[in-house]
Amino acid sequence: MQALDTKLFHLLTAGADAPGWLVLIASGLASAIVPFVAAGLFLFWIMGRSRPALLDAVAAGLLGLCVVQVIGAMAYRPRPFEIGLGLNLMNHAPENSFPSDHATLMFALAVSLALSPLKKFGLLLLPLGLAVGWGRVYLGAHFPFDILGGAMLGAVCALVVRAVPQRKALWSLTERVYLRMLGWVF
């Protein structure tokens, strides 16, 4: 598997002669999409659009990020540049590579929202998640299987959160507390 992952990495990563404009696009995809997605979730929350679905998505993302930390603590996988493969065009710190936390978060949000009343937003996030993953591989921060593993983990976390029936009562309480606090402010 490592040989295939390395071969795919060499096919997808930027070389020393990579065009600057493509590196710039990859940098934007790898780093800027996640904050824009967070802003979108925040706007949906403020507008009152399917708050339980938003809470499901955030819970799935947080669960995924926690699992990523556990996996990293149990089995460290170096990033490509740590073992002399490719360039580190993101100037990324040497830390665990598998699974990608960005891919985990993006796909947890995407799958969770795609299975909710915010289906269109969730479906939009799927190709954006792929774009984030490609950017991180292109810039040398991840192997392709790091992205695939993150995507699969994120999807599983979305399904796990949706399988917890008690979450609906917790989400209802969360929304009531939010609305009460908002009433105090305004």
C-alpha atoms as a PDB file:
ATOM      1  CA  MET A   1       0.000   0.000   0.000  1.00  0.00           C
ATOM      2  CA  GLN A   2       2.824   2.408   0.839  1.00  0.00           C
ATOM      3  CA  ALA A   3       4.340   1.869  -2.617  1.00  0.00           C
ATOM      4  CA  LEU A   4       1.050   2.749  -4.313  1.00  0.00           C
ATOM      5  CA  ASP A   5       0.571   5.755  -2.029  1.00  0.00           C
ATOM      6  CA  THR A   6       4.089   6.972  -2.825  1.00  0.00           C
ATOM      7  CA  LYS A   7       3.553   6.487  -6.552  1.00  0.00           C
ATOM      8  CA  LEU A   8       0.290   8.456  -6.420  1.00  0.00           C
ATOM      9  CA  PHE A   9       2.006  11.147  -4.373  1.00  0.00           C
ATOM     10  CA  HIS A  10       4.696  11.559  -7.044  1.00  0.00           C
ATOM     11  CA  LEU A  11       1.984  11.866  -9.706  1.00  0.00           C
ATOM     12  CA  LEU A  12       0.026  14.520  -7.800  1.00  0.00           C
ATOM     13  CA  THR A  13       2.613  16.625  -5.988  1.00  0.00           C
ATOM     14  CA  ALA A  14       4.262  19.795  -7.226  1.00  0.00           C
ATOM     15  CA  GLY A  15       7.779  19.537  -8.508  1.00  0.00           C
ATOM     16  CA  ALA A  16      10.525  22.134  -8.312  1.00  0.00           C
ATOM     17  CA  ASP A  17       9.335  23.526 -11.658  1.00  0.00           C
ATOM     18  CA  ALA A  18       5.659  23.855 -10.637  1.00  0.00           C
ATOM     19  CA  PRO A  19       4.024  27.002 -12.020  1.00  0.00           C
ATOM     20  CA  GLY A  20       3.615  29.688  -9.384  1.00  0.00           C
ATOM     21  CA  TRP A  21      -0.019  30.251 -10.281  1.00  0.00           C
ATOM     22  CA  LEU A  22      -0.838  26.579  -9.655  1.00  0.00           C
ATOM     23  CA  VAL A  23       0.994  26.617  -6.316  1.00  0.00           C
ATOM     24  CA  LEU A  24      -1.022  29.719  -5.402  1.00  0.00           C
ATOM     25  CA  ILE A  25      -4.315  28.023  -6.320  1.00  0.00           C
ATOM     26  CA  ALA A  26      -3.335  24.893  -4.382  1.00  0.00           C
ATOM     27  CA  SER A  27      -2.390  27.049  -1.367  1.00  0.00           C
ATOM     28  CA  GLY A  28      -5.774  28.737  -1.436  1.00  0.00           C
ATOM     29  CA  LEU A  29      -7.616  25.443  -1.711  1.00  0.00           C
ATOM     30  CA  ALA A  30      -5.526  23.773   0.993  1.00  0.00           C
ATOM     31  CA  SER A  31      -5.832  26.584   3.526  1.00  0.00           C
ATOM     32  CA  ALA A  32      -8.681  28.985   2.770  1.00  0.00           C
ATOM     33  CA  ILE A  33     -11.667  26.731   2.110  1.00  0.00           C
ATOM     34  CA  VAL A  34     -12.069  25.481   5.692  1.00  0.00           C
ATOM     35  CA  PRO A  35     -12.469  28.997   7.189  1.00  0.00           C
ATOM     36  CA  PHE A  36     -14.996  29.874   4.446  1.00  0.00           C
ATOM     37  CA  VAL A  37     -16.953  26.716   5.252  1.00  0.00           C
ATOM     38  CA  ALA A  38     -16.931  27.665   8.940  1.00  0.00           C
ATOM     39  CA  ALA A  39     -18.263  31.099   8.003  1.00  0.00           C
ATOM     40  CA  GLY A  40     -21.010  29.437   5.946  1.00  0.00           C
ATOM     41  CA  LEU A  41     -22.011  27.255   8.886  1.00  0.00           C
ATOM     42  CA  PHE A  42     -22.066  30.337  11.125  1.00  0.00           C
ATOM     43  CA  LEU A  43     -24.285  32.228   8.661  1.00  0.00           C
ATOM     44  CA  PHE A  44     -26.710  29.306   8.437  1.00  0.00           C
ATOM     45  CA  TRP A  45     -26.828  29.250  12.257  1.00  0.00           C
ATOM     46  CA  ILE A  46     -27.522  32.996  12.491  1.00  0.00           C
ATOM     47  CA  MET A  47     -30.250  32.706   9.844  1.00  0.00           C
ATOM     48  CA  GLY A  48     -31.831  29.870  11.821  1.00  0.00           C
ATOM     49  CA  ARG A  49     -31.456  27.375   8.974  1.00  0.00           C
ATOM     50  CA  SER A  50     -31.718  23.787  10.231  1.00  0.00           C
ATOM     51  CA  ARG A  51     -29.785  24.285  13.438  1.00  0.00           C
ATOM     52  CA  PRO A  52     -30.039  20.598  14.448  1.00  0.00           C
ATOM     53  CA  ALA A  53     -28.397  19.658  11.134  1.00  0.00           C
ATOM     54  CA  LEU A  54     -25.628  22.181  11.791  1.00  0.00           C
ATOM     55  CA  LEU A  55     -25.081  20.753  15.264  1.00  0.00           C
ATOM     56  CA  ASP A  56     -24.946  17.233  13.807  1.00  0.00           C
ATOM     57  CA  ALA A  57     -22.289  18.387  11.333  1.00  0.00           C
ATOM     58  CA  VAL A  58     -20.196  20.165  13.950  1.00  0.00           C
ATOM     59  CA  ALA A  59     -20.435  17.159  16.286  1.00  0.00           C
ATOM     60  CA  ALA A  60     -19.319  14.853  13.453  1.00  0.00           C
ATOM     61  CA  GLY A  61     -16.395  17.151  12.662  1.00  0.00           C
ATOM     62  CA  LEU A  62     -15.316  17.349  16.299  1.00  0.00           C
ATOM     63  CA  LEU A  63     -15.619  13.586  16.711  1.00  0.00           C
ATOM     64  CA  GLY A  64     -13.498  13.100  13.609  1.00  0.00           C
ATOM     65  CA  LEU A  65     -10.811  15.497  14.810  1.00  0.00           C
ATOM     66  CA  CYS A  66     -10.674  13.711  18.173  1.00  0.00           C
ATOM     67  CA  VAL A  67     -10.281  10.335  16.464  1.00  0.00           C
ATOM     68  CA  VAL A  68      -7.501  11.780  14.265  1.00  0.00           C
ATOM     69  CA  GLN A  69      -5.617  12.773  17.427  1.00  0.00           C
ATOM     70  CA  VAL A  70      -6.020   9.294  18.916  1.00  0.00           C
ATOM     71  CA  ILE A  71      -4.795   7.648  15.700  1.00  0.00           C
ATOM     72  CA  GLY A  72      -1.824  10.004  15.572  1.00  0.00           C
ATOM     73  CA  ALA A  73      -0.910   9.246  19.170  1.00  0.00           C
ATOM     74  CA  MET A  74      -1.102   5.497  18.539  1.00  0.00           C
ATOM     75  CA  ALA A  75       0.611   5.279  15.149  1.00  0.00           C
ATOM     76  CA  TYR A  76       2.705   8.160  13.851  1.00  0.00           C
ATOM     77  CA  ARG A  77       3.002   8.463  10.090  1.00  0.00           C
ATOM     78  CA  PRO A  78       5.494  11.030   8.829  1.00  0.00           C
ATOM     79  CA  ARG A  79       4.557  13.581   6.228  1.00  0.00           C
ATOM     80  CA  PRO A  80       6.113  13.106   2.786  1.00  0.00           C
ATOM     81  CA  PHE A  81       8.672  15.875   3.251  1.00  0.00           C
ATOM     82  CA  GLU A  82       9.817  14.310   6.531  1.00  0.00           C
ATOM     83  CA  ILE A  83      11.070  11.274   4.623  1.00  0.00           C
ATOM     84  CA  GLY A  84      12.580  13.219   1.743  1.00  0.00           C
ATOM     85  CA  LEU A  85       9.662  13.001  -0.699  1.00  0.00           C
ATOM     86  CA  GLY A  86       8.497  16.090  -2.547  1.00  0.00           C
ATOM     87  CA  LEU A  87       8.635  19.670  -1.393  1.00  0.00           C
ATOM     88  CA  ASN A  88       7.062  21.235   1.669  1.00  0.00           C
ATOM     89  CA  LEU A  89       5.419  24.138  -0.148  1.00  0.00           C
ATOM     90  CA  MET A  90       3.023  24.768   2.748  1.00  0.00           C
ATOM     91  CA  ASN A  91       5.876  25.146   5.205  1.00  0.00           C
ATOM     92  CA  HIS A  92       3.949  22.634   7.296  1.00  0.00           C
ATOM     93  CA  ALA A  93       5.185  21.482  10.688  1.00  0.00           C
ATOM     94  CA  PRO A  94       6.378  17.881  10.902  1.00  0.00           C
ATOM     95  CA  GLU A  95       3.478  16.115  12.582  1.00  0.00           C
ATOM     96  CA  ASN A  96       1.308  13.077  12.002  1.00  0.00           C
ATOM     97  CA  SER A  97       0.108  12.769   8.430  1.00  0.00           C
ATOM     98  CA  PHE A  98      -2.555  10.039   8.593  1.00  0.00           C
ATOM     99  CA  PRO A  99      -5.404  10.664   8.443  1.00  0.00           C
ATOM    100  CA  SER A 100      -5.635  14.246   7.248  1.00  0.00           C
ATOM    101  CA  ASP A 101      -7.502  16.349   9.772  1.00  0.00           C
ATOM    102  CA  HIS A 102      -8.601  18.760   7.026  1.00  0.00           C
ATOM    103  CA  ALA A 103     -10.089  15.922   4.973  1.00  0.00           C
ATOM    104  CA  THR A 104     -11.678  14.389   8.061  1.00  0.00           C
ATOM    105  CA  LEU A 105     -13.345  17.667   8.980  1.00  0.00           C
ATOM    106  CA  MET A 106     -14.477  18.525   5.451  1.00  0.00           C
ATOM    107  CA  PHE A 107     -15.991  15.105   4.783  1.00  0.00           C
ATOM    108  CA  ALA A 108     -17.618  14.863   8.221  1.00  0.00           C
ATOM    109  CA  LEU A 109     -19.330  18.174   7.546  1.00  0.00           C
ATOM    110  CA  ALA A 110     -20.151  17.299   3.933  1.00  0.00           C
ATOM    111  CA  VAL A 111     -21.678  13.883   4.600  1.00  0.00           C
ATOM    112  CA  SER A 112     -23.556  15.048   7.668  1.00  0.00           C
ATOM    113  CA  LEU A 113     -25.071  18.007   5.834  1.00  0.00           C
ATOM    114  CA  ALA A 114     -25.759  15.986   2.672  1.00  0.00           C
ATOM    115  CA  LEU A 115     -27.984  13.735   4.798  1.00  0.00           C
ATOM    116  CA  SER A 116     -29.879  16.692   6.263  1.00  0.00           C
ATOM    117  CA  PRO A 117     -32.235  19.459   5.148  1.00  0.00           C
ATOM    118  CA  LEU A 118     -29.057  21.347   4.130  1.00  0.00           C
ATOM    119  CA  LYS A 119     -28.363  18.696   1.484  1.00  0.00           C
ATOM    120  CA  LYS A 120     -27.314  21.168  -1.230  1.00  0.00           C
ATOM    121  CA  PHE A 121     -24.679  22.742   1.016  1.00  0.00           C
ATOM    122  CA  GLY A 122     -23.422  19.293   2.006  1.00  0.00           C
ATOM    123  CA  LEU A 123     -23.176  18.195  -1.622  1.00  0.00           C
ATOM    124  CA  LEU A 124     -21.264  21.395  -2.409  1.00  0.00           C
ATOM    125  CA  LEU A 125     -18.787  20.540   0.339  1.00  0.00           C
ATOM    126  CA  LEU A 126     -17.914  17.143  -1.200  1.00  0.00           C
ATOM    127  CA  PRO A 127     -15.970  18.546  -4.198  1.00  0.00           C
ATOM    128  CA  LEU A 128     -14.576  21.267  -1.960  1.00  0.00           C
ATOM    129  CA  GLY A 129     -13.263  18.538   0.350  1.00  0.00           C
ATOM    130  CA  LEU A 130     -11.597  16.889  -2.628  1.00  0.00           C
ATOM    131  CA  ALA A 131     -10.101  20.251  -3.620  1.00  0.00           C
ATOM    132  CA  VAL A 132      -8.703  20.760  -0.119  1.00  0.00           C
ATOM    133  CA  GLY A 133      -7.232  17.266  -0.228  1.00  0.00           C
ATOM    134  CA  TRP A 134      -5.671  17.765  -3.664  1.00  0.00           C
ATOM    135  CA  GLY A 135      -4.139  21.069  -2.546  1.00  0.00           C
ATOM    136  CA  ARG A 136      -2.566  19.470   0.511  1.00  0.00           C
ATOM    137  CA  VAL A 137      -1.107  16.611  -1.550  1.00  0.00           C
ATOM    138  CA  TYR A 138       0.070  18.966  -4.308  1.00  0.00           C
ATOM    139  CA  LEU A 139       1.870  21.142  -1.752  1.00  0.00           C
ATOM    140  CA  GLY A 140       3.588  18.135  -0.179  1.00  0.00           C
ATOM    141  CA  ALA A 141       1.800  18.064   3.187  1.00  0.00           C
ATOM    142  CA  HIS A 142       0.033  14.712   2.701  1.00  0.00           C
ATOM    143  CA  PHE A 143       0.056  11.427   0.872  1.00  0.00           C
ATOM    144  CA  PRO A 144      -3.104  10.669  -1.153  1.00  0.00           C
ATOM    145  CA  PHE A 145      -4.115   7.888   1.255  1.00  0.00           C
ATOM    146  CA  ASP A 146      -4.016  10.423   4.119  1.00  0.00           C
ATOM    147  CA  ILE A 147      -6.788  12.276   2.313  1.00  0.00           C
ATOM    148  CA  LEU A 148      -8.702   9.093   1.486  1.00  0.00           C
ATOM    149  CA  GLY A 149      -8.431   7.928   5.097  1.00  0.00           C
ATOM    150  CA  GLY A 150      -9.639  11.314   6.344  1.00  0.00           C
ATOM    151  CA  ALA A 151     -12.564  11.273   3.918  1.00  0.00           C
ATOM    152  CA  MET A 152     -13.615   7.803   5.041  1.00  0.00           C
ATOM    153  CA  LEU A 153     -13.191   8.670   8.727  1.00  0.00           C
ATOM    154  CA  GLY A 154     -15.213  11.864   8.309  1.00  0.00           C
ATOM    155  CA  ALA A 155     -18.030   9.996   6.588  1.00  0.00           C
ATOM    156  CA  VAL A 156     -18.108   7.340   9.319  1.00  0.00           C
ATOM    157  CA  CYS A 157     -18.176  10.023  12.030  1.00  0.00           C
ATOM    158  CA  ALA A 158     -21.135  11.697  10.319  1.00  0.00           C
ATOM    159  CA  LEU A 159     -23.019   8.396  10.314  1.00  0.00           C
ATOM    160  CA  VAL A 160     -22.102   7.666  13.939  1.00  0.00           C
ATOM    161  CA  VAL A 161     -23.414  11.028  15.129  1.00  0.00           C
ATOM    162  CA  ARG A 162     -26.648  10.583  13.185  1.00  0.00           C
ATOM    163  CA  ALA A 163     -27.112   7.153  14.821  1.00  0.00           C
ATOM    164  CA  VAL A 164     -27.295   8.660  18.339  1.00  0.00           C
ATOM    165  CA  PRO A 165     -30.993   9.257  19.060  1.00  0.00           C
ATOM    166  CA  GLN A 166     -30.364  11.300  22.242  1.00  0.00           C
ATOM    167  CA  ARG A 167     -28.641  14.014  20.213  1.00  0.00           C
ATOM    168  CA  LYS A 168     -31.989  15.518  19.205  1.00  0.00           C
ATOM    169  CA  ALA A 169     -32.854  16.380  22.801  1.00  0.00           C
ATOM    170  CA  LEU A 170     -29.391  17.846  23.341  1.00  0.00           C
ATOM    171  CA  TRP A 171     -29.653  19.910  20.138  1.00  0.00           C
ATOM    172  CA  SER A 172     -33.076  21.185  21.190  1.00  0.00           C
ATOM    173  CA  LEU A 173     -31.666  22.250  24.563  1.00  0.00           C
ATOM    174  CA  THR A 174     -28.677  23.882  22.856  1.00  0.00           C
ATOM    175  CA  GLU A 175     -30.930  25.921  20.587  1.00  0.00           C
ATOM    176  CA  ARG A 176     -33.175  26.992  23.492  1.00  0.00           C
ATOM    177  CA  VAL A 177     -30.135  28.150  25.495  1.00  0.00           C
ATOM    178  CA  TYR A 178     -28.812  30.019  22.457  1.00  0.00           C
ATOM    179  CA  LEU A 179     -32.132  31.790  21.872  1.00  0.00           C
ATOM    180  CA  ARG A 180     -32.432  32.695  25.561  1.00  0.00           C
ATOM    181  CA  MET A 181     -28.890  34.137  25.565  1.00  0.00           C
ATOM    182  CA  LEU A 182     -29.676  36.042  22.369  1.00  0.00           C
ATOM    183  CA  GLY A 183     -32.736  37.495  24.124  1.00  0.00           C
ATOM    184  CA  TRP A 184     -30.516  38.791  26.930  1.00  0.00           C
ATOM    185  CA  VAL A 185     -28.238  40.537  24.467  1.00  0.00           C
ATOM    186  CA  PHE A 186     -30.968  42.094  22.348  1.00  0.00           C
END
